């Protein structure tokens, strides 16, 4: 395949809440980790985004108990907007941190 025919998808999710079914979400992220895909989640507001941090996979590799496997690569980047809302350069850097060059 030519370098000019390749496609890469970036999914941007803006959220102010929690994940209703974390295990299903983890399963889908694990499946997506084999695809040309990055998922960027921006947490807006004062909610507890602990689940989003877990999806990010920076602290520990993402593992699906249902599929019994780890993500092939880290495709999720979580950014708590409240921490970077006054610094556009830092916001940009954090949002694009895990999108391949």
C-alpha atoms as a PDB file:
ATOM      1  CA  UNK A   1       0.000   0.000   0.000  1.00  0.00           C
ATOM      2  CA  UNK A   2       1.269   3.439  -0.888  1.00  0.00           C
ATOM      3  CA  UNK A   3       2.012   5.968   1.839  1.00  0.00           C
ATOM      4  CA  UNK A   4      -0.444   8.273   0.053  1.00  0.00           C
ATOM      5  CA  UNK A   5      -3.365   5.805   0.247  1.00  0.00           C
ATOM      6  CA  UNK A   6      -3.208   5.105   3.966  1.00  0.00           C
ATOM      7  CA  UNK A   7      -5.986   6.311   6.230  1.00  0.00           C
ATOM      8  CA  UNK A   8      -5.893   7.074   9.936  1.00  0.00           C
ATOM      9  CA  UNK A   9      -8.887   7.934  12.109  1.00  0.00           C
ATOM     10  CA  UNK A  10      -8.926  10.206  15.141  1.00  0.00           C
ATOM     11  CA  UNK A  11     -12.035  10.000  17.321  1.00  0.00           C
ATOM     12  CA  UNK A  12     -12.562  13.042  19.541  1.00  0.00           C
ATOM     13  CA  UNK A  13     -14.931  12.578  22.485  1.00  0.00           C
ATOM     14  CA  UNK A  14     -15.995  15.499  24.664  1.00  0.00           C
ATOM     15  CA  UNK A  15     -17.573  14.292  27.892  1.00  0.00           C
ATOM     16  CA  UNK A  16     -18.843  15.625  31.188  1.00  0.00           C
ATOM     17  CA  UNK A  17     -19.691  12.308  32.751  1.00  0.00           C
ATOM     18  CA  UNK A  18     -18.795   8.755  33.544  1.00  0.00           C
ATOM     19  CA  UNK A  19     -18.750   5.604  31.448  1.00  0.00           C
ATOM     20  CA  UNK A  20     -21.892   3.514  31.938  1.00  0.00           C
ATOM     21  CA  UNK A  21     -20.310   0.197  30.944  1.00  0.00           C
ATOM     22  CA  UNK A  22     -16.563   0.318  31.517  1.00  0.00           C
ATOM     23  CA  UNK A  23     -15.908  -3.348  30.648  1.00  0.00           C
ATOM     24  CA  UNK A  24     -17.623  -3.047  27.240  1.00  0.00           C
ATOM     25  CA  UNK A  25     -15.767   0.176  26.590  1.00  0.00           C
ATOM     26  CA  UNK A  26     -12.444  -1.486  27.440  1.00  0.00           C
ATOM     27  CA  UNK A  27     -13.297  -4.379  25.098  1.00  0.00           C
ATOM     28  CA  UNK A  28     -13.936  -1.964  22.225  1.00  0.00           C
ATOM     29  CA  UNK A  29     -10.724  -0.037  22.885  1.00  0.00           C
ATOM     30  CA  UNK A  30      -8.770  -3.314  22.909  1.00  0.00           C
ATOM     31  CA  UNK A  31     -10.327  -4.239  19.550  1.00  0.00           C
ATOM     32  CA  UNK A  32      -9.528  -0.781  18.205  1.00  0.00           C
ATOM     33  CA  UNK A  33      -5.902  -1.029  19.291  1.00  0.00           C
ATOM     34  CA  UNK A  34      -5.176  -3.125  16.187  1.00  0.00           C
ATOM     35  CA  UNK A  35      -6.583  -0.454  13.852  1.00  0.00           C
ATOM     36  CA  UNK A  36      -5.188   2.843  12.520  1.00  0.00           C
ATOM     37  CA  UNK A  37      -7.097   4.736  15.212  1.00  0.00           C
ATOM     38  CA  UNK A  38      -6.553   7.186  18.054  1.00  0.00           C
ATOM     39  CA  UNK A  39      -9.216   8.101  20.605  1.00  0.00           C
ATOM     40  CA  UNK A  40      -8.917  11.461  22.310  1.00  0.00           C
ATOM     41  CA  UNK A  41     -11.212  12.048  25.288  1.00  0.00           C
ATOM     42  CA  UNK A  42     -11.528  15.562  26.681  1.00  0.00           C
ATOM     43  CA  UNK A  43     -13.173  15.702  30.097  1.00  0.00           C
ATOM     44  CA  UNK A  44     -15.157  18.896  30.572  1.00  0.00           C
ATOM     45  CA  UNK A  45     -16.390  20.022  33.958  1.00  0.00           C
ATOM     46  CA  UNK A  46     -15.744  18.942  37.521  1.00  0.00           C
ATOM     47  CA  UNK A  47     -16.749  15.269  37.308  1.00  0.00           C
ATOM     48  CA  UNK A  48     -14.524  12.480  38.620  1.00  0.00           C
ATOM     49  CA  UNK A  49     -12.736  11.230  35.511  1.00  0.00           C
ATOM     50  CA  UNK A  50     -10.939   8.305  37.158  1.00  0.00           C
ATOM     51  CA  UNK A  51     -12.396   5.846  34.629  1.00  0.00           C
ATOM     52  CA  UNK A  52     -11.078   7.947  31.758  1.00  0.00           C
ATOM     53  CA  UNK A  53      -7.610   7.859  33.290  1.00  0.00           C
ATOM     54  CA  UNK A  54      -7.840   4.054  33.394  1.00  0.00           C
ATOM     55  CA  UNK A  55      -8.796   3.962  29.699  1.00  0.00           C
ATOM     56  CA  UNK A  56      -5.808   6.156  28.899  1.00  0.00           C
ATOM     57  CA  UNK A  57      -3.495   3.295  29.809  1.00  0.00           C
ATOM     58  CA  UNK A  58      -0.602   5.496  30.905  1.00  0.00           C
ATOM     59  CA  UNK A  59      -0.465   4.044  34.432  1.00  0.00           C
ATOM     60  CA  UNK A  60      -1.100   0.411  33.489  1.00  0.00           C
ATOM     61  CA  UNK A  61      -1.644  -1.383  30.172  1.00  0.00           C
ATOM     62  CA  UNK A  62      -5.320  -1.680  29.267  1.00  0.00           C
ATOM     63  CA  UNK A  63      -6.559  -5.266  29.737  1.00  0.00           C
ATOM     64  CA  UNK A  64      -9.872  -6.855  28.795  1.00  0.00           C
ATOM     65  CA  UNK A  65     -11.038  -9.662  31.062  1.00  0.00           C
ATOM     66  CA  UNK A  66     -13.712 -10.608  28.524  1.00  0.00           C
ATOM     67  CA  UNK A  67     -11.241 -10.921  25.641  1.00  0.00           C
ATOM     68  CA  UNK A  68      -8.386 -12.014  27.937  1.00  0.00           C
ATOM     69  CA  UNK A  69      -5.883  -9.761  26.218  1.00  0.00           C
ATOM     70  CA  UNK A  70      -4.043  -6.460  26.449  1.00  0.00           C
ATOM     71  CA  UNK A  71      -4.271  -3.573  24.027  1.00  0.00           C
ATOM     72  CA  UNK A  72      -1.683  -3.910  21.273  1.00  0.00           C
ATOM     73  CA  UNK A  73      -0.892  -0.231  21.636  1.00  0.00           C
ATOM     74  CA  UNK A  74      -2.104   2.739  23.653  1.00  0.00           C
ATOM     75  CA  UNK A  75      -4.721   4.471  21.462  1.00  0.00           C
ATOM     76  CA  UNK A  76      -6.499   6.547  24.126  1.00  0.00           C
ATOM     77  CA  UNK A  77      -5.433   9.980  25.299  1.00  0.00           C
ATOM     78  CA  UNK A  78      -7.439  11.550  28.132  1.00  0.00           C
ATOM     79  CA  UNK A  79      -7.186  15.284  28.746  1.00  0.00           C
ATOM     80  CA  UNK A  80      -8.916  16.935  31.728  1.00  0.00           C
ATOM     81  CA  UNK A  81      -9.874  20.278  30.210  1.00  0.00           C
ATOM     82  CA  UNK A  82      -9.994  22.048  33.586  1.00  0.00           C
ATOM     83  CA  UNK A  83      -6.234  21.535  33.945  1.00  0.00           C
ATOM     84  CA  UNK A  84      -5.311  23.069  30.586  1.00  0.00           C
ATOM     85  CA  UNK A  85      -8.152  25.463  29.726  1.00  0.00           C
ATOM     86  CA  UNK A  86      -5.985  28.546  30.200  1.00  0.00           C
ATOM     87  CA  UNK A  87      -2.992  27.181  28.287  1.00  0.00           C
ATOM     88  CA  UNK A  88      -3.804  26.540  24.596  1.00  0.00           C
ATOM     89  CA  UNK A  89      -0.291  25.303  23.808  1.00  0.00           C
ATOM     90  CA  UNK A  90      -0.404  22.711  26.597  1.00  0.00           C
ATOM     91  CA  UNK A  91      -3.942  21.706  25.575  1.00  0.00           C
ATOM     92  CA  UNK A  92      -2.784  21.115  22.009  1.00  0.00           C
ATOM     93  CA  UNK A  93       0.269  19.157  23.128  1.00  0.00           C
ATOM     94  CA  UNK A  94      -1.764  16.943  25.469  1.00  0.00           C
ATOM     95  CA  UNK A  95      -4.541  16.305  22.951  1.00  0.00           C
ATOM     96  CA  UNK A  96      -2.117  15.252  20.231  1.00  0.00           C
ATOM     97  CA  UNK A  97       0.321  13.428  22.527  1.00  0.00           C
ATOM     98  CA  UNK A  98      -0.564   9.894  21.433  1.00  0.00           C
ATOM     99  CA  UNK A  99      -1.520  10.512  17.816  1.00  0.00           C
ATOM    100  CA  UNK A 100       1.257   9.015  15.688  1.00  0.00           C
ATOM    101  CA  UNK A 101       3.362  11.513  13.788  1.00  0.00           C
END
